[in-house]
Each structure stands twice: as C-alpha cells, then as structure tokens.
C-alpha cells in the first residue's frame, strides 16, 4: 500500500480510495493505486512514456474515462505505469504516464479488467478531492 491511496475491500472485486489537493492529483493517485494493486511498482523502471486523453461532463466520469484509457494503453503497450502527470482544462484531461515493461514485473494482485461506476465517487470534500473506485478483477 501507498500513502496516496487506501485499498477498499469488496466482495468480488477490489477498489481504492484516493485523495489529492486537486482533481489532477486525485486522478493521478487513483491511477497509481490501480496499477499498484496489480504490479510490484517498486521494481518498475520508468522508461516509456505514453500520453492519453480523457474528457467528460463530471469529475467522476472524467476519473473513469482517464483510468479506462490508462488501462487500455497499459494492455495495448504491455506496460506497468508508475508515474502520472495529469493536466486538466474544463474536464478534459491529458495524462502523461510513465512505466516499464509489464512482462518483467511481478503481479501482486489480480489484473484489473475494467473500471466500474459501482459506488463511484470523485468530489471536493471542502478541504481536498477524494475518489472512490471499484475495479472489476
């Protein structure tokens, strides 16, 4: 586990609760949590950078779209992402993700198959942003 997120136990799936000072931070921290659930990120050599874009009408939808784009890119490029830079302008995000070959990284949990809307939350709490996402594994 990492101080950027907490694991949320779920009957059949798994989730994360993440926090951040900005919407960009909470998306980056949630993305890190998603990949950290699957891989031992402490051994990933950040050698490959990928840029993905996401857009939505609400912060929760933006979170799901951003995470889904990162997951698809990870699967297509066979990468385990370890670092995320998120730039947001009017609920449009450009995410620069850096990682290394997934084939050489040990799986520490089940692969995430999809980002769900079940019990989804991404909101300003009055002092910080907080997200709650359940992943289909």
C-alpha atoms as a PDB file:
ATOM      1  CA  UNK A   1       0.000   0.000   0.000  1.00  0.00           C
ATOM      2  CA  UNK A   2       0.997   3.621  -0.520  1.00  0.00           C
ATOM      3  CA  UNK A   3       0.011   6.845   1.247  1.00  0.00           C
ATOM      4  CA  UNK A   4      -1.601   8.085  -1.984  1.00  0.00           C
ATOM      5  CA  UNK A   5      -4.475   5.627  -1.664  1.00  0.00           C
ATOM      6  CA  UNK A   6      -6.177   3.021   0.507  1.00  0.00           C
ATOM      7  CA  UNK A   7      -7.437  -0.376  -0.602  1.00  0.00           C
ATOM      8  CA  UNK A   8     -11.209  -0.811  -0.419  1.00  0.00           C
ATOM      9  CA  UNK A   9     -12.198  -4.428   0.102  1.00  0.00           C
ATOM     10  CA  UNK A  10     -15.145  -5.610  -1.951  1.00  0.00           C
ATOM     11  CA  UNK A  11     -16.968  -8.927  -2.101  1.00  0.00           C
ATOM     12  CA  UNK A  12     -15.919  -9.934  -5.607  1.00  0.00           C
ATOM     13  CA  UNK A  13     -13.795  -7.039  -6.808  1.00  0.00           C
ATOM     14  CA  UNK A  14     -11.369  -4.500  -5.335  1.00  0.00           C
ATOM     15  CA  UNK A  15     -11.231  -0.740  -5.130  1.00  0.00           C
ATOM     16  CA  UNK A  16      -9.251   2.240  -3.994  1.00  0.00           C
ATOM     17  CA  UNK A  17      -9.963   5.385  -2.035  1.00  0.00           C
ATOM     18  CA  UNK A  18      -7.612   8.198  -3.035  1.00  0.00           C
ATOM     19  CA  UNK A  19      -7.167  11.811  -2.027  1.00  0.00           C
ATOM     20  CA  UNK A  20      -5.475  14.839  -3.523  1.00  0.00           C
ATOM     21  CA  UNK A  21      -5.235  18.609  -3.277  1.00  0.00           C
ATOM     22  CA  UNK A  22      -6.504  18.994  -6.839  1.00  0.00           C
ATOM     23  CA  UNK A  23      -8.611  16.975  -9.260  1.00  0.00           C
ATOM     24  CA  UNK A  24      -5.382  16.267 -11.176  1.00  0.00           C
ATOM     25  CA  UNK A  25      -3.764  14.919  -8.008  1.00  0.00           C
ATOM     26  CA  UNK A  26      -6.664  12.638  -7.128  1.00  0.00           C
ATOM     27  CA  UNK A  27      -6.787  11.197 -10.660  1.00  0.00           C
ATOM     28  CA  UNK A  28      -3.011  10.579 -10.563  1.00  0.00           C
ATOM     29  CA  UNK A  29      -3.216   8.984  -7.111  1.00  0.00           C
ATOM     30  CA  UNK A  30      -6.154   6.775  -8.124  1.00  0.00           C
ATOM     31  CA  UNK A  31      -4.282   5.691 -11.255  1.00  0.00           C
ATOM     32  CA  UNK A  32      -1.239   4.832  -9.174  1.00  0.00           C
ATOM     33  CA  UNK A  33      -3.443   2.792  -6.841  1.00  0.00           C
ATOM     34  CA  UNK A  34      -4.997   0.898  -9.742  1.00  0.00           C
ATOM     35  CA  UNK A  35      -1.599  -0.175 -11.087  1.00  0.00           C
ATOM     36  CA  UNK A  36      -0.147  -0.775  -7.623  1.00  0.00           C
ATOM     37  CA  UNK A  37      -2.956  -3.269  -6.946  1.00  0.00           C
ATOM     38  CA  UNK A  38      -1.743  -5.317  -9.909  1.00  0.00           C
ATOM     39  CA  UNK A  39       2.045  -4.902 -10.001  1.00  0.00           C
ATOM     40  CA  UNK A  40       5.038  -4.543  -7.716  1.00  0.00           C
ATOM     41  CA  UNK A  41       5.665  -0.957  -8.807  1.00  0.00           C
ATOM     42  CA  UNK A  42       8.792  -0.655  -6.662  1.00  0.00           C
ATOM     43  CA  UNK A  43      10.745  -2.515  -9.364  1.00  0.00           C
ATOM     44  CA  UNK A  44       9.347  -0.730 -12.430  1.00  0.00           C
ATOM     45  CA  UNK A  45      11.958   1.174 -14.401  1.00  0.00           C
ATOM     46  CA  UNK A  46      10.121   4.245 -15.782  1.00  0.00           C
ATOM     47  CA  UNK A  47      11.497   4.132 -19.300  1.00  0.00           C
ATOM     48  CA  UNK A  48       8.471   4.513 -21.575  1.00  0.00           C
ATOM     49  CA  UNK A  49       6.061   7.448 -21.684  1.00  0.00           C
ATOM     50  CA  UNK A  50       2.547   7.335 -23.096  1.00  0.00           C
ATOM     51  CA  UNK A  51       0.061  10.198 -23.400  1.00  0.00           C
ATOM     52  CA  UNK A  52      -3.685   9.539 -23.200  1.00  0.00           C
ATOM     53  CA  UNK A  53      -6.628  11.915 -23.242  1.00  0.00           C
ATOM     54  CA  UNK A  54      -9.954  11.779 -21.467  1.00  0.00           C
ATOM     55  CA  UNK A  55     -12.997  14.025 -21.418  1.00  0.00           C
ATOM     56  CA  UNK A  56     -16.288  14.001 -19.563  1.00  0.00           C
ATOM     57  CA  UNK A  57     -19.081  16.129 -18.209  1.00  0.00           C
ATOM     58  CA  UNK A  58     -18.476  15.450 -14.489  1.00  0.00           C
ATOM     59  CA  UNK A  59     -15.413  14.730 -12.343  1.00  0.00           C
ATOM     60  CA  UNK A  60     -16.491  11.116 -11.599  1.00  0.00           C
ATOM     61  CA  UNK A  61     -16.984  10.424 -15.313  1.00  0.00           C
ATOM     62  CA  UNK A  62     -13.596  12.018 -16.061  1.00  0.00           C
ATOM     63  CA  UNK A  63     -11.971   9.749 -13.488  1.00  0.00           C
ATOM     64  CA  UNK A  64     -13.492   6.614 -15.043  1.00  0.00           C
ATOM     65  CA  UNK A  65     -12.581   7.721 -18.562  1.00  0.00           C
ATOM     66  CA  UNK A  66      -8.998   8.591 -17.550  1.00  0.00           C
ATOM     67  CA  UNK A  67      -8.467   5.295 -15.718  1.00  0.00           C
ATOM     68  CA  UNK A  68     -10.046   3.316 -18.565  1.00  0.00           C
ATOM     69  CA  UNK A  69      -7.773   4.992 -21.124  1.00  0.00           C
ATOM     70  CA  UNK A  70      -4.720   4.250 -18.977  1.00  0.00           C
ATOM     71  CA  UNK A  71      -5.778   0.627 -18.528  1.00  0.00           C
ATOM     72  CA  UNK A  72      -6.331   0.192 -22.275  1.00  0.00           C
ATOM     73  CA  UNK A  73      -2.975   1.793 -23.056  1.00  0.00           C
ATOM     74  CA  UNK A  74      -1.266  -0.418 -20.497  1.00  0.00           C
ATOM     75  CA  UNK A  75      -2.750  -3.534 -22.061  1.00  0.00           C
ATOM     76  CA  UNK A  76      -2.039  -2.444 -25.648  1.00  0.00           C
ATOM     77  CA  UNK A  77       1.552  -1.410 -24.942  1.00  0.00           C
ATOM     78  CA  UNK A  78       2.162  -4.131 -22.292  1.00  0.00           C
ATOM     79  CA  UNK A  79       3.323  -1.530 -19.746  1.00  0.00           C
ATOM     80  CA  UNK A  80       3.048  -1.175 -15.986  1.00  0.00           C
ATOM     81  CA  UNK A  81       2.650   2.544 -15.289  1.00  0.00           C
ATOM     82  CA  UNK A  82       4.263   4.001 -12.205  1.00  0.00           C
ATOM     83  CA  UNK A  83       4.151   7.792 -12.649  1.00  0.00           C
ATOM     84  CA  UNK A  84       1.291  10.035 -13.766  1.00  0.00           C
ATOM     85  CA  UNK A  85       1.161  13.707 -14.698  1.00  0.00           C
ATOM     86  CA  UNK A  86      -2.406  14.911 -15.180  1.00  0.00           C
ATOM     87  CA  UNK A  87      -3.283  18.246 -16.771  1.00  0.00           C
ATOM     88  CA  UNK A  88      -6.937  19.250 -16.708  1.00  0.00           C
ATOM     89  CA  UNK A  89      -8.711  22.034 -18.537  1.00  0.00           C
ATOM     90  CA  UNK A  90     -12.503  22.220 -18.385  1.00  0.00           C
ATOM     91  CA  UNK A  91     -12.989  18.475 -17.639  1.00  0.00           C
ATOM     92  CA  UNK A  92     -10.599  17.477 -20.415  1.00  0.00           C
ATOM     93  CA  UNK A  93      -7.533  15.653 -19.177  1.00  0.00           C
ATOM     94  CA  UNK A  94      -4.199  14.922 -20.765  1.00  0.00           C
ATOM     95  CA  UNK A  95      -2.408  12.216 -18.812  1.00  0.00           C
ATOM     96  CA  UNK A  96       1.278  11.526 -19.289  1.00  0.00           C
ATOM     97  CA  UNK A  97       2.009   8.078 -17.860  1.00  0.00           C
ATOM     98  CA  UNK A  98       5.478   6.630 -17.474  1.00  0.00           C
ATOM     99  CA  UNK A  99       6.239   2.982 -16.885  1.00  0.00           C
ATOM    100  CA  UNK A 100       8.123  -0.095 -17.892  1.00  0.00           C
ATOM    101  CA  UNK A 101       7.507  -3.486 -19.480  1.00  0.00           C
ATOM    102  CA  UNK A 102       4.769  -5.344 -17.600  1.00  0.00           C
ATOM    103  CA  UNK A 103       6.194  -8.693 -18.654  1.00  0.00           C
ATOM    104  CA  UNK A 104       9.171  -8.308 -16.298  1.00  0.00           C
ATOM    105  CA  UNK A 105       7.167  -7.074 -13.298  1.00  0.00           C
ATOM    106  CA  UNK A 106       5.683  -9.482 -10.784  1.00  0.00           C
ATOM    107  CA  UNK A 107       1.906  -9.492 -10.486  1.00  0.00           C
ATOM    108  CA  UNK A 108       0.946  -8.943  -6.850  1.00  0.00           C
ATOM    109  CA  UNK A 109      -2.800  -8.996  -7.402  1.00  0.00           C
ATOM    110  CA  UNK A 110      -5.376  -9.912  -9.995  1.00  0.00           C
ATOM    111  CA  UNK A 111      -5.351  -7.927 -13.240  1.00  0.00           C
ATOM    112  CA  UNK A 112      -7.909  -5.135 -13.415  1.00  0.00           C
ATOM    113  CA  UNK A 113     -10.324  -5.914 -16.251  1.00  0.00           C
ATOM    114  CA  UNK A 114     -12.384  -2.728 -16.085  1.00  0.00           C
ATOM    115  CA  UNK A 115     -13.099   0.463 -14.161  1.00  0.00           C
ATOM    116  CA  UNK A 116     -16.688   0.424 -12.888  1.00  0.00           C
ATOM    117  CA  UNK A 117     -19.285   3.020 -11.978  1.00  0.00           C
ATOM    118  CA  UNK A 118     -20.354   0.959  -8.964  1.00  0.00           C
ATOM    119  CA  UNK A 119     -20.164   3.115  -5.815  1.00  0.00           C
ATOM    120  CA  UNK A 120     -18.131   5.679  -7.784  1.00  0.00           C
ATOM    121  CA  UNK A 121     -17.195   8.954  -6.142  1.00  0.00           C
ATOM    122  CA  UNK A 122     -14.909  11.802  -7.168  1.00  0.00           C
ATOM    123  CA  UNK A 123     -15.658  15.038  -5.354  1.00  0.00           C
ATOM    124  CA  UNK A 124     -14.348  18.035  -3.485  1.00  0.00           C
ATOM    125  CA  UNK A 125     -14.882  17.433   0.243  1.00  0.00           C
ATOM    126  CA  UNK A 126     -14.349  21.035   1.303  1.00  0.00           C
ATOM    127  CA  UNK A 127     -10.657  20.572   2.058  1.00  0.00           C
ATOM    128  CA  UNK A 128      -9.448  18.160  -0.642  1.00  0.00           C
ATOM    129  CA  UNK A 129     -10.516  15.947  -3.546  1.00  0.00           C
ATOM    130  CA  UNK A 130     -11.490  12.382  -2.796  1.00  0.00           C
ATOM    131  CA  UNK A 131     -12.191   9.465  -5.109  1.00  0.00           C
ATOM    132  CA  UNK A 132     -13.665   6.011  -4.615  1.00  0.00           C
ATOM    133  CA  UNK A 133     -13.446   3.493  -7.442  1.00  0.00           C
ATOM    134  CA  UNK A 134     -14.256  -0.207  -7.647  1.00  0.00           C
ATOM    135  CA  UNK A 135     -12.390  -2.250 -10.260  1.00  0.00           C
ATOM    136  CA  UNK A 136     -13.650  -5.388 -11.953  1.00  0.00           C
ATOM    137  CA  UNK A 137     -10.942  -8.038 -11.493  1.00  0.00           C
END
